[in-house]
Each structure stands twice: as C-alpha cells, then as structure tokens.
Amino acid sequence: MPIKDIIKWQWEGYAKFHKSRSNLWLHIFAVPIFIAGSVLLFFTVFNFSVLLLIVSILLMAVSLAVQGIGHNEEALPPEPFTGLLNAVTRILLEQLYTFPKFVISGGWYAAYKNS
C-alpha cells in the first residue's frame, strides 16, 4: 500500500482506536519520547556514537512498549501488521505524523472529552 494510502487509512480510523483515557494519556507522553529517540537516532547517523545509538533505540522501544500497554485498554485492538515493512511504515507514520496531527487538530482533546 502506498504511503499516502496508509496515512489516509490511519487518519480515518485513528479516533476509533484511541478512545481510552489511559491510552490517550500514555500516548501524549510516550509519542514525544519516540520522536526524541528518532531525532537522536537521526543525529547518530552524522555523529556515530554507540551510546547515542543505544539511548535512541531504548527511547523508541520504551515508548512503543508503553503505547502497547495503553492499547490493551482499548475496546478495539489495533489492526494487525501484515509484515515487517508494514509494521515499520505504520509505526513511523503514526509516531511522526498521525498522532501529532491528531493532537494539533484537536482530535486528542475531543477523544479525551468523549471518553
């Protein structure tokens, strides 16, 4: 599936997979940690450091683990991944684009009020 189709698909279903207050709160704290880990990983490419590499991967992994805990609180579980490329693409798009858009557009606050 092309990236633009994945973005559209994620956005259209995002609110229905993010209704639990605890999951919303976990995401509002965990996604910025993932973003920080991603930025750190990007800088590691230019200034290779094993320590920075480990820290960036740990930040991203902890963030995803916390979000996974939050998704266990949802009545509707996330759609399963269809493979490794699908998993990486969906995770990166959700963390770096879809969730920030959800927050900026007011979707997070609306979901929180409606939960």
N, C-alpha and C. Protein backbone atom coordinates (compact mmCIF):
# COMPACT_ATOMS: atom_id res chain seq x y z
N MET A 1 0.86 -1.17 0.00
CA MET A 1 0.00 0.00 0.00
C MET A 1 0.91 1.24 0.00
N PRO A 2 0.64 2.20 -0.87
CA PRO A 2 1.44 3.43 -0.89
C PRO A 2 1.32 4.20 0.43
N ILE A 3 2.37 4.95 0.74
CA ILE A 3 2.42 5.70 2.00
C ILE A 3 1.22 6.63 2.14
N LYS A 4 0.84 7.32 1.07
CA LYS A 4 -0.29 8.25 1.19
C LYS A 4 -1.58 7.51 1.53
N ASP A 5 -1.72 6.28 1.07
CA ASP A 5 -2.90 5.48 1.41
C ASP A 5 -2.86 5.03 2.87
N ILE A 6 -1.66 4.70 3.35
CA ILE A 6 -1.53 4.32 4.76
C ILE A 6 -1.86 5.51 5.65
N ILE A 7 -1.37 6.69 5.29
CA ILE A 7 -1.67 7.89 6.07
C ILE A 7 -3.17 8.14 6.10
N LYS A 8 -3.82 8.04 4.96
CA LYS A 8 -5.27 8.25 4.89
C LYS A 8 -6.01 7.21 5.74
N TRP A 9 -5.60 5.95 5.61
CA TRP A 9 -6.23 4.86 6.35
C TRP A 9 -6.05 5.06 7.86
N GLN A 10 -4.82 5.43 8.27
CA GLN A 10 -4.58 5.66 9.70
C GLN A 10 -5.45 6.80 10.20
N TRP A 11 -5.48 7.88 9.47
CA TRP A 11 -6.21 9.05 9.93
C TRP A 11 -7.71 8.78 10.03
N GLU A 12 -8.26 8.10 9.05
CA GLU A 12 -9.71 7.83 9.04
C GLU A 12 -10.14 6.96 10.22
N GLY A 13 -9.26 6.07 10.68
CA GLY A 13 -9.64 5.19 11.78
C GLY A 13 -9.01 5.54 13.12
N TYR A 14 -8.25 6.61 13.15
CA TYR A 14 -7.44 6.88 14.34
C TYR A 14 -8.28 7.05 15.60
N ALA A 15 -9.32 7.84 15.53
CA ALA A 15 -10.13 8.12 16.73
C ALA A 15 -10.80 6.85 17.28
N LYS A 16 -11.18 5.93 16.41
CA LYS A 16 -11.86 4.73 16.91
C LYS A 16 -10.91 3.78 17.64
N PHE A 17 -9.60 3.89 17.38
CA PHE A 17 -8.61 3.05 18.06
C PHE A 17 -7.99 3.75 19.26
N HIS A 18 -8.39 4.99 19.51
CA HIS A 18 -7.83 5.78 20.62
C HIS A 18 -8.97 6.46 21.38
N LYS A 19 -9.65 5.68 22.21
CA LYS A 19 -10.78 6.20 22.97
C LYS A 19 -10.57 6.12 24.48
N SER A 20 -9.72 5.24 24.93
CA SER A 20 -9.49 5.05 26.36
C SER A 20 -8.69 6.22 26.91
N ARG A 21 -9.16 6.77 28.03
CA ARG A 21 -8.44 7.90 28.65
C ARG A 21 -7.01 7.53 29.01
N SER A 22 -6.83 6.34 29.56
CA SER A 22 -5.47 5.96 29.95
C SER A 22 -4.58 5.82 28.72
N ASN A 23 -5.11 5.27 27.63
CA ASN A 23 -4.33 5.14 26.40
C ASN A 23 -4.01 6.53 25.82
N LEU A 24 -4.97 7.43 25.87
CA LEU A 24 -4.73 8.79 25.37
C LEU A 24 -3.62 9.47 26.17
N TRP A 25 -3.66 9.31 27.50
CA TRP A 25 -2.62 9.92 28.34
C TRP A 25 -1.26 9.28 28.09
N LEU A 26 -1.24 7.97 27.96
CA LEU A 26 0.04 7.29 27.69
C LEU A 26 0.62 7.77 26.36
N HIS A 27 -0.23 7.92 25.36
CA HIS A 27 0.24 8.38 24.06
C HIS A 27 0.77 9.82 24.12
N ILE A 28 0.09 10.68 24.86
CA ILE A 28 0.50 12.09 24.88
C ILE A 28 1.90 12.24 25.50
N PHE A 29 2.29 11.31 26.34
CA PHE A 29 3.64 11.34 26.92
C PHE A 29 4.63 10.47 26.15
N ALA A 30 4.16 9.32 25.65
CA ALA A 30 5.07 8.36 25.02
C ALA A 30 5.47 8.75 23.60
N VAL A 31 4.56 9.33 22.84
CA VAL A 31 4.91 9.68 21.46
C VAL A 31 6.04 10.71 21.40
N PRO A 32 6.01 11.77 22.23
CA PRO A 32 7.17 12.68 22.20
C PRO A 32 8.49 11.99 22.55
N ILE A 33 8.43 10.97 23.39
CA ILE A 33 9.65 10.21 23.71
C ILE A 33 10.13 9.46 22.46
N PHE A 34 9.19 8.89 21.72
CA PHE A 34 9.55 8.21 20.46
C PHE A 34 10.16 9.22 19.49
N ILE A 35 9.54 10.39 19.38
CA ILE A 35 10.05 11.43 18.47
C ILE A 35 11.46 11.85 18.89
N ALA A 36 11.67 12.02 20.18
CA ALA A 36 13.02 12.38 20.67
C ALA A 36 14.02 11.28 20.32
N GLY A 37 13.63 10.04 20.49
CA GLY A 37 14.51 8.93 20.12
C GLY A 37 14.81 8.91 18.64
N SER A 38 13.82 9.25 17.82
CA SER A 38 14.00 9.29 16.37
C SER A 38 14.96 10.40 15.97
N VAL A 39 14.79 11.56 16.58
CA VAL A 39 15.69 12.69 16.30
C VAL A 39 17.11 12.32 16.73
N LEU A 40 17.24 11.72 17.89
CA LEU A 40 18.56 11.31 18.37
C LEU A 40 19.18 10.27 17.43
N LEU A 41 18.36 9.35 16.95
CA LEU A 41 18.85 8.34 16.00
C LEU A 41 19.33 9.01 14.71
N PHE A 42 18.60 10.01 14.25
CA PHE A 42 18.99 10.76 13.06
C PHE A 42 20.36 11.41 13.26
N PHE A 43 20.56 12.05 14.41
CA PHE A 43 21.85 12.69 14.68
C PHE A 43 22.97 11.68 14.87
N THR A 44 22.63 10.49 15.29
CA THR A 44 23.62 9.44 15.45
C THR A 44 24.25 9.07 14.10
N VAL A 45 23.46 9.21 13.03
CA VAL A 45 23.98 8.92 11.69
C VAL A 45 25.15 9.85 11.36
N PHE A 46 25.06 11.11 11.79
CA PHE A 46 26.11 12.08 11.48
C PHE A 46 27.26 12.08 12.50
N ASN A 47 26.95 11.67 13.70
CA ASN A 47 27.96 11.67 14.76
C ASN A 47 27.88 10.31 15.45
N PHE A 48 28.37 9.30 14.76
CA PHE A 48 28.17 7.95 15.27
C PHE A 48 28.73 7.78 16.67
N SER A 49 27.84 7.35 17.52
CA SER A 49 28.19 7.07 18.90
C SER A 49 27.37 5.87 19.34
N VAL A 50 28.03 4.87 19.83
CA VAL A 50 27.33 3.68 20.28
C VAL A 50 26.36 4.04 21.41
N LEU A 51 26.79 4.91 22.30
CA LEU A 51 25.92 5.33 23.41
C LEU A 51 24.65 6.01 22.89
N LEU A 52 24.80 6.95 21.95
CA LEU A 52 23.62 7.63 21.39
C LEU A 52 22.72 6.64 20.66
N LEU A 53 23.31 5.70 19.97
CA LEU A 53 22.54 4.69 19.26
C LEU A 53 21.71 3.87 20.25
N ILE A 54 22.33 3.44 21.31
CA ILE A 54 21.63 2.64 22.33
C ILE A 54 20.52 3.46 22.99
N VAL A 55 20.83 4.70 23.36
CA VAL A 55 19.83 5.55 24.01
C VAL A 55 18.66 5.80 23.08
N SER A 56 18.92 6.10 21.81
CA SER A 56 17.83 6.38 20.88
C SER A 56 16.93 5.16 20.68
N ILE A 57 17.54 4.00 20.54
CA ILE A 57 16.75 2.77 20.37
C ILE A 57 15.95 2.46 21.63
N LEU A 58 16.56 2.67 22.79
CA LEU A 58 15.84 2.43 24.05
C LEU A 58 14.65 3.39 24.20
N LEU A 59 14.85 4.65 23.87
CA LEU A 59 13.74 5.62 23.95
C LEU A 59 12.58 5.18 23.06
N MET A 60 12.89 4.80 21.85
CA MET A 60 11.85 4.39 20.92
C MET A 60 11.16 3.10 21.39
N ALA A 61 11.95 2.14 21.87
CA ALA A 61 11.38 0.87 22.32
C ALA A 61 10.50 1.04 23.55
N VAL A 62 10.97 1.83 24.52
CA VAL A 62 10.17 2.07 25.73
C VAL A 62 8.87 2.78 25.36
N SER A 63 8.96 3.76 24.47
CA SER A 63 7.77 4.47 24.03
C SER A 63 6.75 3.51 23.42
N LEU A 64 7.21 2.64 22.54
CA LEU A 64 6.29 1.69 21.91
C LEU A 64 5.72 0.70 22.92
N ALA A 65 6.53 0.28 23.87
CA ALA A 65 6.04 -0.65 24.90
C ALA A 65 4.94 0.01 25.73
N VAL A 66 5.16 1.26 26.11
CA VAL A 66 4.15 1.99 26.90
C VAL A 66 2.86 2.15 26.10
N GLN A 67 3.01 2.48 24.82
CA GLN A 67 1.82 2.62 23.98
C GLN A 67 1.09 1.29 23.81
N GLY A 68 1.86 0.21 23.73
CA GLY A 68 1.25 -1.12 23.65
C GLY A 68 0.41 -1.42 24.87
N ILE A 69 0.91 -1.03 26.04
CA ILE A 69 0.14 -1.19 27.28
C ILE A 69 -1.16 -0.39 27.18
N GLY A 70 -1.05 0.82 26.67
CA GLY A 70 -2.24 1.66 26.50
C GLY A 70 -3.25 1.05 25.56
N HIS A 71 -2.77 0.45 24.49
CA HIS A 71 -3.70 -0.15 23.53
C HIS A 71 -4.42 -1.36 24.11
N ASN A 72 -3.87 -1.97 25.16
CA ASN A 72 -4.57 -3.06 25.84
C ASN A 72 -5.82 -2.57 26.54
N GLU A 73 -5.90 -1.27 26.80
CA GLU A 73 -7.08 -0.67 27.45
C GLU A 73 -8.20 -0.36 26.46
N GLU A 74 -7.91 -0.44 25.19
CA GLU A 74 -8.90 -0.10 24.17
C GLU A 74 -9.86 -1.25 23.91
N ALA A 75 -11.11 -0.90 23.66
CA ALA A 75 -12.11 -1.92 23.32
C ALA A 75 -11.81 -2.51 21.94
N LEU A 76 -11.24 -1.70 21.05
CA LEU A 76 -10.93 -2.14 19.70
C LEU A 76 -9.41 -2.21 19.54
N PRO A 77 -8.86 -3.41 19.39
CA PRO A 77 -7.40 -3.52 19.25
C PRO A 77 -6.93 -2.99 17.90
N PRO A 78 -5.65 -2.61 17.80
CA PRO A 78 -5.13 -2.13 16.51
C PRO A 78 -5.18 -3.23 15.45
N GLU A 79 -5.25 -2.80 14.21
CA GLU A 79 -5.20 -3.75 13.10
C GLU A 79 -3.84 -4.44 13.12
N PRO A 80 -3.81 -5.75 12.91
CA PRO A 80 -2.52 -6.45 12.91
C PRO A 80 -1.65 -6.03 11.73
N PHE A 81 -0.35 -6.11 11.94
CA PHE A 81 0.59 -5.82 10.87
C PHE A 81 0.59 -6.97 9.88
N THR A 82 0.84 -6.64 8.62
CA THR A 82 0.86 -7.68 7.59
C THR A 82 2.27 -8.15 7.27
N GLY A 83 3.25 -7.53 7.89
CA GLY A 83 4.64 -7.91 7.66
C GLY A 83 5.56 -6.87 8.28
N LEU A 84 6.85 -7.11 8.17
CA LEU A 84 7.83 -6.22 8.78
C LEU A 84 7.80 -4.82 8.17
N LEU A 85 7.76 -4.73 6.86
CA LEU A 85 7.72 -3.42 6.20
C LEU A 85 6.45 -2.66 6.58
N ASN A 86 5.33 -3.35 6.63
CA ASN A 86 4.08 -2.74 7.03
C ASN A 86 4.17 -2.24 8.46
N ALA A 87 4.77 -3.02 9.35
CA ALA A 87 4.90 -2.62 10.75
C ALA A 87 5.77 -1.38 10.89
N VAL A 88 6.93 -1.38 10.27
CA VAL A 88 7.84 -0.24 10.38
C VAL A 88 7.20 1.01 9.79
N THR A 89 6.59 0.88 8.63
CA THR A 89 5.96 2.03 7.97
C THR A 89 4.83 2.59 8.82
N ARG A 90 3.94 1.73 9.28
CA ARG A 90 2.81 2.20 10.09
C ARG A 90 3.25 2.83 11.39
N ILE A 91 4.23 2.22 12.05
CA ILE A 91 4.71 2.76 13.33
C ILE A 91 5.34 4.13 13.12
N LEU A 92 6.22 4.25 12.14
CA LEU A 92 6.87 5.54 11.90
C LEU A 92 5.85 6.62 11.52
N LEU A 93 4.92 6.27 10.64
CA LEU A 93 3.91 7.26 10.23
C LEU A 93 3.03 7.67 11.41
N GLU A 94 2.64 6.71 12.23
CA GLU A 94 1.79 7.05 13.37
C GLU A 94 2.53 7.95 14.35
N GLN A 95 3.75 7.59 14.66
CA GLN A 95 4.50 8.33 15.67
C GLN A 95 4.92 9.72 15.21
N LEU A 96 5.33 9.82 13.95
CA LEU A 96 5.92 11.06 13.46
C LEU A 96 4.93 11.96 12.72
N TYR A 97 3.77 11.41 12.35
CA TYR A 97 2.81 12.21 11.60
C TYR A 97 1.39 12.14 12.15
N THR A 98 0.81 10.94 12.19
CA THR A 98 -0.61 10.81 12.50
C THR A 98 -0.93 11.25 13.92
N PHE A 99 -0.19 10.78 14.92
CA PHE A 99 -0.51 11.20 16.29
C PHE A 99 -0.27 12.69 16.50
N PRO A 100 0.86 13.26 16.05
CA PRO A 100 0.99 14.72 16.19
C PRO A 100 -0.16 15.47 15.51
N LYS A 101 -0.59 15.01 14.35
CA LYS A 101 -1.73 15.64 13.66
C LYS A 101 -3.01 15.50 14.50
N PHE A 102 -3.17 14.34 15.13
CA PHE A 102 -4.32 14.08 16.00
C PHE A 102 -4.36 15.08 17.15
N VAL A 103 -3.21 15.37 17.71
CA VAL A 103 -3.13 16.33 18.82
C VAL A 103 -3.37 17.75 18.32
N ILE A 104 -2.64 18.15 17.27
CA ILE A 104 -2.73 19.52 16.77
C ILE A 104 -4.13 19.85 16.24
N SER A 105 -4.79 18.87 15.64
CA SER A 105 -6.12 19.11 15.07
C SER A 105 -7.22 19.17 16.13
N GLY A 106 -6.88 18.84 17.35
CA GLY A 106 -7.89 18.81 18.41
C GLY A 106 -8.52 17.45 18.60
N GLY A 107 -8.11 16.47 17.81
CA GLY A 107 -8.67 15.13 17.91
C GLY A 107 -8.39 14.46 19.25
N TRP A 108 -7.18 14.68 19.79
CA TRP A 108 -6.84 14.09 21.07
C TRP A 108 -7.76 14.64 22.16
N TYR A 109 -7.92 15.94 22.18
CA TYR A 109 -8.75 16.59 23.21
C TYR A 109 -10.21 16.16 23.06
N ALA A 110 -10.70 16.08 21.84
CA ALA A 110 -12.08 15.64 21.61
C ALA A 110 -12.26 14.19 22.08
N ALA A 111 -11.29 13.33 21.76
CA ALA A 111 -11.38 11.94 22.19
C ALA A 111 -11.34 11.85 23.71
N TYR A 112 -10.51 12.68 24.34
CA TYR A 112 -10.41 12.68 25.79
C TYR A 112 -11.73 13.14 26.42
N LYS A 113 -12.32 14.19 25.88
CA LYS A 113 -13.60 14.68 26.41
C LYS A 113 -14.71 13.67 26.23
N ASN A 114 -14.66 12.92 25.15
CA ASN A 114 -15.72 11.95 24.85
C ASN A 114 -15.51 10.60 25.54
N SER A 115 -14.36 10.42 26.19
CA SER A 115 -14.10 9.12 26.82
C SER A 115 -14.68 9.07 28.23
